[in-house]
Protein backbone atom coordinates (compact mmCIF):
# COMPACT_ATOMS: atom_id res chain seq x y z
CA MET A 1 24.68 -30.51 -98.08
CA ASN A 2 21.23 -31.37 -96.98
CA GLN A 3 18.26 -29.57 -98.27
CA ASP A 4 17.83 -29.41 -94.29
CA LYS A 5 20.72 -27.46 -94.18
CA LEU A 6 20.28 -24.99 -97.52
CA ALA A 7 17.09 -24.00 -95.74
CA GLN A 8 18.04 -23.14 -92.45
CA ARG A 9 20.87 -21.31 -94.61
CA LEU A 10 17.90 -19.46 -97.01
CA VAL A 11 15.12 -18.76 -93.44
CA GLY A 12 18.58 -16.21 -92.58
CA LEU A 13 18.73 -14.56 -95.15
CA ILE A 14 14.87 -13.53 -95.78
CA VAL A 15 14.74 -9.91 -94.86
CA SER A 16 12.16 -7.72 -94.29
CA ASP A 17 13.25 -4.45 -95.60
CA PRO A 18 15.89 -4.87 -98.31
CA LEU A 19 16.76 -1.95 -98.90
CA SER A 20 17.78 -1.38 -94.96
CA PRO A 21 22.02 -0.64 -95.57
CA GLN A 22 22.31 -3.25 -93.20
CA ASN A 23 21.12 -5.13 -96.07
CA GLN A 24 23.09 -3.09 -98.51
CA SER A 25 26.84 -3.45 -97.09
CA ALA A 26 29.41 -5.32 -99.18
CA GLN A 27 29.69 -7.97 -96.44
CA ALA A 28 25.27 -8.60 -96.95
CA ALA A 29 26.01 -9.21 -100.25
CA GLY A 30 29.07 -11.24 -100.08
CA ALA A 31 26.61 -13.63 -98.36
CA ARG A 32 24.02 -13.32 -100.52
CA LEU A 33 26.15 -13.87 -103.57
CA LYS A 34 28.03 -17.53 -101.78
CA VAL A 35 24.39 -18.46 -101.70
CA CYS A 36 23.72 -17.97 -104.51
CA LEU A 37 26.89 -19.17 -105.98
CA GLN A 38 26.63 -22.77 -103.48
CA MET A 39 23.25 -22.98 -104.69
CA ALA A 40 24.13 -23.07 -108.32
CA ASP A 41 26.98 -25.69 -107.46
CA GLU A 42 23.77 -28.26 -105.22
CA GLY A 43 21.98 -27.85 -108.76
CA LEU A 44 24.37 -28.60 -111.49
CA LEU A 45 25.20 -31.66 -108.47
CA MET A 46 21.33 -32.31 -108.33
CA LYS A 47 21.18 -32.27 -112.37
CA SER A 48 24.58 -34.52 -112.73
CA ALA A 49 23.35 -37.48 -110.66
CA SER A 50 20.10 -37.44 -112.48
CA LEU A 51 21.31 -37.44 -115.53
CA ARG A 52 23.81 -39.92 -114.24
CA ARG A 53 20.47 -41.82 -113.68
CA LYS A 54 18.96 -41.63 -116.29
CA HIS A 55 21.65 -43.38 -118.61
CA PRO A 56 23.74 -45.58 -116.41
CA HIS A 57 25.58 -47.36 -119.00
CA GLU A 58 27.62 -44.35 -120.14
CA SER A 59 30.41 -43.03 -119.48
CA ASP A 60 31.98 -40.11 -117.42
CA GLU A 61 33.21 -38.40 -120.20
CA LYS A 62 29.69 -38.38 -122.02
CA LEU A 63 27.34 -37.54 -118.94
CA HIS A 64 29.22 -34.44 -118.23
CA ASP A 65 29.27 -33.74 -121.58
CA ARG A 66 25.50 -33.72 -121.15
CA LEU A 67 25.30 -31.58 -118.46
CA VAL A 68 27.84 -29.08 -120.55
CA GLU A 69 24.43 -28.75 -123.43
CA TRP A 70 21.84 -28.74 -120.87
CA LEU A 71 23.65 -25.32 -119.56
CA HIS A 72 24.09 -23.85 -122.91
CA PHE A 73 20.23 -26.05 -123.60
CA GLN A 74 18.80 -22.19 -124.73
CA PRO A 75 15.72 -22.68 -126.68
CA GLU A 76 13.81 -20.62 -129.33
CA PRO A 77 10.73 -18.87 -127.99
CA SER A 78 7.52 -20.77 -129.24
CA PRO A 79 4.83 -17.42 -130.74
CA GLY A 80 3.41 -15.49 -127.93
CA GLN A 81 6.51 -15.50 -125.29
CA ASP A 82 7.45 -12.49 -123.80
CA LEU A 83 11.21 -12.50 -126.39
CA LYS A 84 13.01 -11.88 -123.18
CA VAL A 85 12.97 -15.63 -122.18
CA SER A 86 15.09 -17.44 -123.18
CA TYR A 87 15.02 -20.37 -121.47
CA CYS A 88 12.33 -23.69 -121.12
CA TRP A 89 11.28 -25.62 -117.15
CA PRO A 90 11.64 -28.59 -117.52
CA ARG A 91 14.69 -28.70 -119.76
CA ASN A 92 14.98 -32.29 -121.09
CA LEU A 93 17.67 -34.12 -122.45
């Protein structure tokens, strides 16, 4: 999926009053969840492509292991960082 199509779908989810009854329906929530899951899939594809570019000579298995490691990576918070935040950006492998 290209960025233009994704952007068009996201614009359709923008609501002026998220607490209004029509925006609280199961159908509306399902539509938002579907887009979120599709965005997560697209993110995994983008990270996979990035790892393949960064490590072009590695096997598919090793690249998959790197992707799984990236998904599970949660560094310790640095001093002074809010303890509720368990991630950092960017995550480099």
